[in-house]
Amino acid sequence: MKIAIGADHAGYELKEVVGHFLGALGHEVIDLGTANATTAVDYPDYAEAVGVSLLEENAERGIVICGSGVGASVAINKLPGIRAGLCHDTYSAHQGVEHDNMNVLVLGARIIGVELAREIVRAFVGAVFSKDPRHERRLAKVKALEGRYR
């Protein structure tokens, strides 16, 4: 699977770990930055880059990392067609894909450790949207909401 990944300076170190982990699992990683942890940058820029990568179909899923994950989650969910979830546990990561067709995982680098991040990422990339009629119906309602306020 092609996975776009981006982070601000607070998420840089975890982004590097997650990117290598995804590569070891056999996924193609599209690293959209940032390039270091020392230069302060703005999370909306990296959230947008990951979201645009999905919208342009350069990637199938995305991962965005900032300090808490909250800011990046708010920012990336402004893009139409993006369904990002801030997950700090494995259940939310796989259930978000299975039930809500979540296409972006958001992580807070200052909230979780490396090993938990790996478990969450594994759950996210291993999950598949169920296409259960109730989930399809709810997803259609989410898409309709997005369309009404575009």
C-alpha atoms as a PDB file:
ATOM      1  CA  MET A   1       0.000   0.000   0.000  1.00  0.00           C
ATOM      2  CA  LYS A   2       1.182   3.558  -0.714  1.00  0.00           C
ATOM      3  CA  ILE A   3       1.085   5.619   2.457  1.00  0.00           C
ATOM      4  CA  ALA A   4       1.787   9.353   2.645  1.00  0.00           C
ATOM      5  CA  ILE A   5       3.279  10.487   5.925  1.00  0.00           C
ATOM      6  CA  GLY A   6       3.931  13.959   7.273  1.00  0.00           C
ATOM      7  CA  ALA A   7       4.740  15.624  10.565  1.00  0.00           C
ATOM      8  CA  ASP A   8       5.650  18.918  12.097  1.00  0.00           C
ATOM      9  CA  HIS A   9       8.825  19.331  14.159  1.00  0.00           C
ATOM     10  CA  ALA A  10       7.183  17.812  17.252  1.00  0.00           C
ATOM     11  CA  GLY A  11       6.273  14.693  15.311  1.00  0.00           C
ATOM     12  CA  TYR A  12       9.454  14.380  13.269  1.00  0.00           C
ATOM     13  CA  GLU A  13      11.162  11.657  15.324  1.00  0.00           C
ATOM     14  CA  LEU A  14       8.039   9.491  15.502  1.00  0.00           C
ATOM     15  CA  LYS A  15       7.469  10.040  11.766  1.00  0.00           C
ATOM     16  CA  GLU A  16      10.913   8.634  11.070  1.00  0.00           C
ATOM     17  CA  VAL A  17      10.232   5.550  13.207  1.00  0.00           C
ATOM     18  CA  VAL A  18       6.793   4.999  11.680  1.00  0.00           C
ATOM     19  CA  GLY A  19       8.118   5.470   8.143  1.00  0.00           C
ATOM     20  CA  HIS A  20      10.823   2.839   8.645  1.00  0.00           C
ATOM     21  CA  PHE A  21       8.307   0.505  10.280  1.00  0.00           C
ATOM     22  CA  LEU A  22       5.913   0.832   7.333  1.00  0.00           C
ATOM     23  CA  GLY A  23       8.752   0.137   4.922  1.00  0.00           C
ATOM     24  CA  ALA A  24       9.686  -2.986   6.878  1.00  0.00           C
ATOM     25  CA  LEU A  25       6.063  -4.134   6.569  1.00  0.00           C
ATOM     26  CA  GLY A  26       6.373  -3.805   2.782  1.00  0.00           C
ATOM     27  CA  HIS A  27       4.482  -0.560   2.278  1.00  0.00           C
ATOM     28  CA  GLU A  28       5.630   2.247  -0.008  1.00  0.00           C
ATOM     29  CA  VAL A  29       6.131   5.372   2.103  1.00  0.00           C
ATOM     30  CA  ILE A  30       5.787   8.843   0.640  1.00  0.00           C
ATOM     31  CA  ASP A  31       7.543  11.102   3.154  1.00  0.00           C
ATOM     32  CA  LEU A  32       6.188  14.638   2.854  1.00  0.00           C
ATOM     33  CA  GLY A  33       8.300  16.143   5.625  1.00  0.00           C
ATOM     34  CA  THR A  34       9.336  17.815   7.805  1.00  0.00           C
ATOM     35  CA  ALA A  35      13.057  17.185   7.505  1.00  0.00           C
ATOM     36  CA  ASN A  36      14.161  17.712  11.128  1.00  0.00           C
ATOM     37  CA  ALA A  37      13.030  18.301  14.688  1.00  0.00           C
ATOM     38  CA  THR A  38      14.963  21.508  15.234  1.00  0.00           C
ATOM     39  CA  THR A  39      13.271  23.906  12.827  1.00  0.00           C
ATOM     40  CA  ALA A  40       9.799  24.908  14.005  1.00  0.00           C
ATOM     41  CA  VAL A  41       7.177  24.392  11.285  1.00  0.00           C
ATOM     42  CA  ASP A  42       3.384  24.515  11.172  1.00  0.00           C
ATOM     43  CA  TYR A  43       1.347  21.306  11.329  1.00  0.00           C
ATOM     44  CA  PRO A  44      -1.385  22.517   8.910  1.00  0.00           C
ATOM     45  CA  ASP A  45       1.171  22.557   6.083  1.00  0.00           C
ATOM     46  CA  TYR A  46       2.035  18.881   6.556  1.00  0.00           C
ATOM     47  CA  ALA A  47      -1.562  17.850   7.170  1.00  0.00           C
ATOM     48  CA  GLU A  48      -2.519  19.508   3.896  1.00  0.00           C
ATOM     49  CA  ALA A  49       0.346  17.858   2.023  1.00  0.00           C
ATOM     50  CA  VAL A  50      -0.745  14.405   3.198  1.00  0.00           C
ATOM     51  CA  GLY A  51      -4.399  15.124   2.424  1.00  0.00           C
ATOM     52  CA  VAL A  52      -3.628  16.414  -1.061  1.00  0.00           C
ATOM     53  CA  SER A  53      -1.540  13.310  -1.716  1.00  0.00           C
ATOM     54  CA  LEU A  54      -4.646  11.203  -1.067  1.00  0.00           C
ATOM     55  CA  LEU A  55      -6.949  13.481  -3.050  1.00  0.00           C
ATOM     56  CA  GLU A  56      -4.580  13.341  -6.033  1.00  0.00           C
ATOM     57  CA  GLU A  57      -4.454   9.538  -5.632  1.00  0.00           C
ATOM     58  CA  ASN A  58      -0.694   9.492  -5.089  1.00  0.00           C
ATOM     59  CA  ALA A  59      -1.316   7.551  -1.873  1.00  0.00           C
ATOM     60  CA  GLU A  60      -4.031   5.212  -0.624  1.00  0.00           C
ATOM     61  CA  ARG A  61      -3.825   6.236   3.026  1.00  0.00           C
ATOM     62  CA  GLY A  62      -2.062   8.820   5.120  1.00  0.00           C
ATOM     63  CA  ILE A  63      -0.516   9.336   8.525  1.00  0.00           C
ATOM     64  CA  VAL A  64      -0.002  12.751  10.114  1.00  0.00           C
ATOM     65  CA  ILE A  65       1.873  13.349  13.348  1.00  0.00           C
ATOM     66  CA  CYS A  66       2.141  16.449  15.517  1.00  0.00           C
ATOM     67  CA  GLY A  67       2.674  16.982  19.236  1.00  0.00           C
ATOM     68  CA  SER A  68      -0.809  16.129  20.494  1.00  0.00           C
ATOM     69  CA  GLY A  69      -2.385  15.070  17.205  1.00  0.00           C
ATOM     70  CA  VAL A  70      -5.304  17.432  17.790  1.00  0.00           C
ATOM     71  CA  GLY A  71      -4.171  20.301  15.570  1.00  0.00           C
ATOM     72  CA  ALA A  72      -3.199  18.034  12.689  1.00  0.00           C
ATOM     73  CA  SER A  73      -6.527  16.206  12.979  1.00  0.00           C
ATOM     74  CA  VAL A  74      -8.497  19.441  12.846  1.00  0.00           C
ATOM     75  CA  ALA A  75      -6.477  20.702   9.890  1.00  0.00           C
ATOM     76  CA  ILE A  76      -6.580  17.604   7.685  1.00  0.00           C
ATOM     77  CA  ASN A  77     -10.297  17.066   8.234  1.00  0.00           C
ATOM     78  CA  LYS A  78     -10.930  20.394   6.466  1.00  0.00           C
ATOM     79  CA  LEU A  79     -10.076  18.734   3.135  1.00  0.00           C
ATOM     80  CA  PRO A  80     -13.026  17.187   1.282  1.00  0.00           C
ATOM     81  CA  GLY A  81     -12.892  13.416   1.104  1.00  0.00           C
ATOM     82  CA  ILE A  82     -10.507  13.075   4.019  1.00  0.00           C
ATOM     83  CA  ARG A  83     -11.664  11.036   6.987  1.00  0.00           C
ATOM     84  CA  ALA A  84      -8.939  11.371   9.596  1.00  0.00           C
ATOM     85  CA  GLY A  85      -9.027   9.956  13.077  1.00  0.00           C
ATOM     86  CA  LEU A  86      -6.819  10.794  16.023  1.00  0.00           C
ATOM     87  CA  CYS A  87      -6.054   7.377  17.511  1.00  0.00           C
ATOM     88  CA  HIS A  88      -4.025   6.523  20.556  1.00  0.00           C
ATOM     89  CA  ASP A  89      -5.206   2.909  20.811  1.00  0.00           C
ATOM     90  CA  THR A  90      -5.362  -0.022  18.402  1.00  0.00           C
ATOM     91  CA  TYR A  91      -9.129  -0.528  18.608  1.00  0.00           C
ATOM     92  CA  SER A  92      -9.879   2.986  17.323  1.00  0.00           C
ATOM     93  CA  ALA A  93      -7.286   2.596  14.559  1.00  0.00           C
ATOM     94  CA  HIS A  94      -8.786  -0.547  13.041  1.00  0.00           C
ATOM     95  CA  GLN A  95     -12.418   0.231  13.883  1.00  0.00           C
ATOM     96  CA  GLY A  96     -12.078   3.674  12.283  1.00  0.00           C
ATOM     97  CA  VAL A  97     -11.173   1.997   8.996  1.00  0.00           C
ATOM     98  CA  GLU A  98     -13.608  -0.914   9.281  1.00  0.00           C
ATOM     99  CA  HIS A  99     -16.666   1.171  10.208  1.00  0.00           C
ATOM    100  CA  ASP A 100     -15.914   4.721   9.037  1.00  0.00           C
ATOM    101  CA  ASN A 101     -13.581   4.132   6.076  1.00  0.00           C
ATOM    102  CA  MET A 102     -10.983   6.322   7.803  1.00  0.00           C
ATOM    103  CA  ASN A 103      -8.202   7.096   5.321  1.00  0.00           C
ATOM    104  CA  VAL A 104      -5.829   9.083   7.535  1.00  0.00           C
ATOM    105  CA  LEU A 105      -4.407   8.151  10.912  1.00  0.00           C
ATOM    106  CA  VAL A 106      -3.347  11.017  13.169  1.00  0.00           C
ATOM    107  CA  LEU A 107      -0.930  10.446  16.052  1.00  0.00           C
ATOM    108  CA  GLY A 108       0.270  12.619  18.915  1.00  0.00           C
ATOM    109  CA  ALA A 109       4.006  12.168  19.331  1.00  0.00           C
ATOM    110  CA  ARG A 110       3.953  13.684  22.827  1.00  0.00           C
ATOM    111  CA  ILE A 111       1.109  11.383  23.879  1.00  0.00           C
ATOM    112  CA  ILE A 112       2.187   7.885  22.849  1.00  0.00           C
ATOM    113  CA  GLY A 113       5.457   6.013  22.761  1.00  0.00           C
ATOM    114  CA  VAL A 114       7.170   4.307  19.857  1.00  0.00           C
ATOM    115  CA  GLU A 115       5.973   0.756  20.570  1.00  0.00           C
ATOM    116  CA  LEU A 116       2.334   1.795  20.918  1.00  0.00           C
ATOM    117  CA  ALA A 117       2.649   3.865  17.735  1.00  0.00           C
ATOM    118  CA  ARG A 118       3.852   0.770  15.872  1.00  0.00           C
ATOM    119  CA  GLU A 119       0.904  -1.277  17.151  1.00  0.00           C
ATOM    120  CA  ILE A 120      -1.561   1.461  16.181  1.00  0.00           C
ATOM    121  CA  VAL A 121      -0.036   1.826  12.716  1.00  0.00           C
ATOM    122  CA  ARG A 122      -0.141  -1.948  12.190  1.00  0.00           C
ATOM    123  CA  ALA A 123      -3.842  -1.982  13.152  1.00  0.00           C
ATOM    124  CA  PHE A 124      -4.576   0.949  10.806  1.00  0.00           C
ATOM    125  CA  VAL A 125      -2.838  -0.452   7.735  1.00  0.00           C
ATOM    126  CA  GLY A 126      -4.170  -3.948   8.343  1.00  0.00           C
ATOM    127  CA  ALA A 127      -7.806  -2.887   8.499  1.00  0.00           C
ATOM    128  CA  VAL A 128     -10.272  -2.885   5.607  1.00  0.00           C
ATOM    129  CA  PHE A 129     -13.602  -1.046   5.311  1.00  0.00           C
ATOM    130  CA  SER A 130     -16.339  -3.615   6.007  1.00  0.00           C
ATOM    131  CA  LYS A 131     -18.855  -2.333   3.415  1.00  0.00           C
ATOM    132  CA  ASP A 132     -21.580  -3.465   5.796  1.00  0.00           C
ATOM    133  CA  PRO A 133     -24.822  -1.731   4.729  1.00  0.00           C
ATOM    134  CA  ARG A 134     -25.115   0.170   8.011  1.00  0.00           C
ATOM    135  CA  HIS A 135     -21.574   1.509   7.626  1.00  0.00           C
ATOM    136  CA  GLU A 136     -22.160   2.372   3.955  1.00  0.00           C
ATOM    137  CA  ARG A 137     -25.324   4.250   4.988  1.00  0.00           C
ATOM    138  CA  ARG A 138     -23.511   6.204   7.669  1.00  0.00           C
ATOM    139  CA  LEU A 139     -20.587   7.004   5.379  1.00  0.00           C
ATOM    140  CA  ALA A 140     -23.055   8.315   2.788  1.00  0.00           C
ATOM    141  CA  LYS A 141     -24.480  10.618   5.455  1.00  0.00           C
ATOM    142  CA  VAL A 142     -20.993  11.883   6.317  1.00  0.00           C
ATOM    143  CA  LYS A 143     -20.325  12.576   2.633  1.00  0.00           C
ATOM    144  CA  ALA A 144     -23.678  14.380   2.347  1.00  0.00           C
ATOM    145  CA  LEU A 145     -22.781  16.567   5.351  1.00  0.00           C
ATOM    146  CA  GLU A 146     -19.503  17.444   3.696  1.00  0.00           C
ATOM    147  CA  GLY A 147     -21.284  18.354   0.471  1.00  0.00           C
ATOM    148  CA  ARG A 148     -23.839  20.596   2.173  1.00  0.00           C
ATOM    149  CA  TYR A 149     -21.173  22.788   3.758  1.00  0.00           C
ATOM    150  CA  ARG A 150     -18.538  22.854   1.041  1.00  0.00           C
END
